[in-house]
Amino acid sequence: ALLSTYSYLCRDMGRLLSIDYGRKRCGIAVTDPMRIVANGLTTVATHQLVDFIVRYTSTEQVDAIIVGKPTTMRGEPSESMRYITAGITHLQRTLPDIPVEFWDERFTSVLAHRSMLDSGMKKSARRDKGTVDEISATIILNDYLQSRTIRESHEKQP
């Protein structure tokens, strides 16, 4: 009965997908259908990102894509936004029905490394940059979810 209730509640909700966009590879994370929990999905080569997301969205409903926006300490876009913008523009042209939102990703790599240390991950596994990218995408999505929850709770207050 609980599973059927969960399925009923999720029937019209799609997942949120986040991307930690890099020159060589992109970390990807997704929420559960209820958008409660974000989990790392995978890391893909940047040149394969659009094809991967097209395949993923053909089997899973995705309502929005959240992209990590690298910013300087002053809050200005970093130099890497040039290649990120080009890649994400291609993604938006390919999947025009899925909205894309940029989200501040400052410190996500540092937090990803700390998370790996705190979890007891072996040194050899911590060197895997793909794992760092996937964890970073998960942190971006969790930050986005937390911010949305806080924003919605403030909107409900009189």
Protein backbone atom coordinates (compact mmCIF):
# COMPACT_ATOMS: atom_id res chain seq x y z
CA ALA A 1 0.00 0.00 0.00
CA LEU A 2 2.86 2.38 0.82
CA LEU A 3 4.53 1.70 -2.52
CA SER A 4 1.30 2.34 -4.45
CA THR A 5 0.78 5.62 -2.54
CA TYR A 6 4.35 6.65 -3.39
CA SER A 7 3.77 5.73 -7.06
CA TYR A 8 0.53 7.73 -7.10
CA LEU A 9 2.19 10.81 -5.61
CA CYS A 10 5.09 10.58 -8.08
CA ARG A 11 3.03 10.02 -11.21
CA ASP A 12 3.25 13.61 -12.44
CA MET A 13 6.56 14.63 -10.88
CA GLY A 14 9.77 14.39 -12.75
CA ARG A 15 13.24 14.22 -11.36
CA LEU A 16 15.64 17.13 -11.14
CA LEU A 17 19.03 16.49 -12.72
CA SER A 18 22.21 18.41 -11.93
CA ILE A 19 25.44 18.76 -13.83
CA ASP A 20 28.90 19.64 -12.54
CA TYR A 21 30.21 20.71 -15.95
CA GLY A 22 33.89 20.33 -16.71
CA ARG A 23 36.11 20.56 -19.77
CA LYS A 24 36.85 16.83 -19.78
CA ARG A 25 33.97 15.28 -17.85
CA CYS A 26 30.68 16.12 -16.19
CA GLY A 27 29.37 14.77 -12.91
CA ILE A 28 25.65 14.07 -12.93
CA ALA A 29 23.22 13.68 -10.02
CA VAL A 30 19.45 13.21 -9.89
CA THR A 31 16.68 13.40 -7.34
CA ASP A 32 14.22 10.69 -6.54
CA PRO A 33 10.79 11.26 -8.17
CA MET A 34 9.50 13.01 -5.01
CA ARG A 35 12.53 15.37 -5.13
CA ILE A 36 13.49 14.62 -1.56
CA VAL A 37 16.94 13.09 -1.99
CA ALA A 38 19.73 13.77 -4.47
CA ASN A 39 22.07 10.95 -5.45
CA GLY A 40 25.07 10.79 -7.73
CA LEU A 41 24.21 9.12 -11.01
CA THR A 42 27.43 8.94 -13.01
CA THR A 43 30.23 10.86 -14.67
CA VAL A 44 30.34 11.18 -18.45
CA ALA A 45 32.86 12.62 -20.87
CA THR A 46 31.82 16.19 -21.69
CA HIS A 47 31.57 15.46 -25.40
CA GLN A 48 29.03 12.70 -24.59
CA LEU A 49 26.91 14.76 -22.15
CA VAL A 50 24.07 15.74 -24.48
CA ASP A 51 23.70 12.20 -25.85
CA PHE A 52 23.69 10.78 -22.32
CA ILE A 53 21.01 13.20 -21.11
CA VAL A 54 18.88 12.58 -24.21
CA ARG A 55 19.03 8.82 -23.50
CA TYR A 56 18.34 9.33 -19.79
CA THR A 57 15.35 11.61 -20.40
CA SER A 58 13.88 9.10 -22.84
CA THR A 59 13.39 6.68 -19.92
CA GLU A 60 13.05 9.05 -16.93
CA GLN A 61 10.94 12.18 -16.62
CA VAL A 62 13.20 15.14 -15.87
CA ASP A 63 11.46 18.43 -15.09
CA ALA A 64 14.54 20.65 -14.82
CA ILE A 65 18.30 20.59 -15.21
CA ILE A 66 20.41 22.41 -12.63
CA VAL A 67 23.91 23.35 -13.81
CA GLY A 68 26.73 24.32 -11.49
CA LYS A 69 27.72 27.93 -12.13
CA PRO A 70 31.36 28.57 -11.25
CA THR A 71 31.76 31.99 -9.70
CA THR A 72 34.61 33.94 -8.23
CA MET A 73 34.72 34.94 -4.57
CA ARG A 74 33.22 38.27 -5.66
CA GLY A 75 30.19 36.44 -7.07
CA GLU A 76 31.16 37.10 -10.68
CA PRO A 77 31.11 34.35 -13.34
CA SER A 78 34.48 32.63 -13.64
CA GLU A 79 36.45 32.22 -16.86
CA SER A 80 35.13 28.68 -17.34
CA MET A 81 31.59 29.98 -17.93
CA ARG A 82 32.54 30.50 -21.60
CA TYR A 83 32.80 26.81 -22.40
CA ILE A 84 30.00 25.88 -20.00
CA THR A 85 27.62 28.33 -21.69
CA ALA A 86 28.41 26.88 -25.12
CA GLY A 87 27.82 23.31 -23.95
CA ILE A 88 24.62 24.12 -22.09
CA THR A 89 23.28 26.13 -25.04
CA HIS A 90 23.70 23.00 -27.17
CA LEU A 91 21.87 20.98 -24.50
CA GLN A 92 19.01 23.52 -24.39
CA ARG A 93 18.65 23.44 -28.18
CA THR A 94 18.53 19.65 -28.11
CA LEU A 95 16.03 19.45 -25.21
CA PRO A 96 14.07 22.73 -25.44
CA ASP A 97 11.20 21.51 -23.24
CA ILE A 98 13.39 21.00 -20.16
CA PRO A 99 14.23 24.24 -18.33
CA VAL A 100 17.84 24.81 -17.31
CA GLU A 101 18.83 26.79 -14.24
CA PHE A 102 22.34 27.75 -13.18
CA TRP A 103 23.24 27.35 -9.51
CA ASP A 104 26.26 28.65 -7.58
CA GLU A 105 28.81 25.87 -7.23
CA ARG A 106 31.44 27.64 -5.14
CA PHE A 107 33.31 25.25 -2.85
CA THR A 108 31.60 22.10 -4.16
CA SER A 109 34.93 20.45 -5.05
CA VAL A 110 36.29 21.24 -1.58
CA LEU A 111 33.10 19.87 0.00
CA ALA A 112 33.28 16.78 -2.23
CA HIS A 113 36.84 16.04 -1.09
CA ARG A 114 35.85 16.57 2.54
CA SER A 115 32.87 14.25 2.08
CA MET A 116 35.17 11.59 0.65
CA LEU A 117 37.53 11.93 3.60
CA ASP A 118 34.70 11.88 6.14
CA SER A 119 33.23 8.75 4.60
CA GLY A 120 36.53 6.90 4.98
CA MET A 121 37.12 6.54 1.26
CA LYS A 122 40.53 5.15 0.43
CA LYS A 123 43.17 7.49 -0.96
CA SER A 124 43.20 5.76 -4.34
CA ALA A 125 39.43 6.26 -4.70
CA ARG A 126 39.72 9.92 -3.65
CA ARG A 127 42.08 10.52 -6.57
CA ASP A 128 39.36 9.55 -9.05
CA LYS A 129 38.30 12.92 -10.49
CA GLY A 130 35.10 11.39 -11.87
CA THR A 131 34.01 10.53 -8.35
CA VAL A 132 34.72 14.10 -7.23
CA ASP A 133 32.63 15.44 -10.14
CA GLU A 134 29.71 13.13 -9.33
CA ILE A 135 29.79 14.09 -5.65
CA SER A 136 30.03 17.77 -6.63
CA ALA A 137 26.90 17.40 -8.80
CA THR A 138 25.14 15.82 -5.81
CA ILE A 139 26.17 18.73 -3.56
CA ILE A 140 24.91 21.25 -6.15
CA LEU A 141 21.56 19.47 -6.33
CA ASN A 142 21.25 19.14 -2.54
CA ASP A 143 22.01 22.87 -2.15
CA TYR A 144 19.38 23.65 -4.76
CA LEU A 145 16.81 21.44 -3.00
CA GLN A 146 17.54 23.00 0.40
CA SER A 147 17.28 26.53 -0.97
CA ARG A 148 13.98 25.73 -2.67
CA THR A 149 12.58 24.26 0.55
CA ILE A 150 13.61 27.36 2.53
CA ARG A 151 12.20 29.67 -0.16
CA GLU A 152 8.87 27.79 -0.23
CA SER A 153 8.55 27.87 3.58
CA HIS A 154 9.12 31.67 3.57
CA GLU A 155 6.49 32.13 0.85
CA LYS A 156 3.92 30.27 2.97
CA GLN A 157 4.43 32.53 6.00
CA PRO A 158 2.01 35.47 6.29
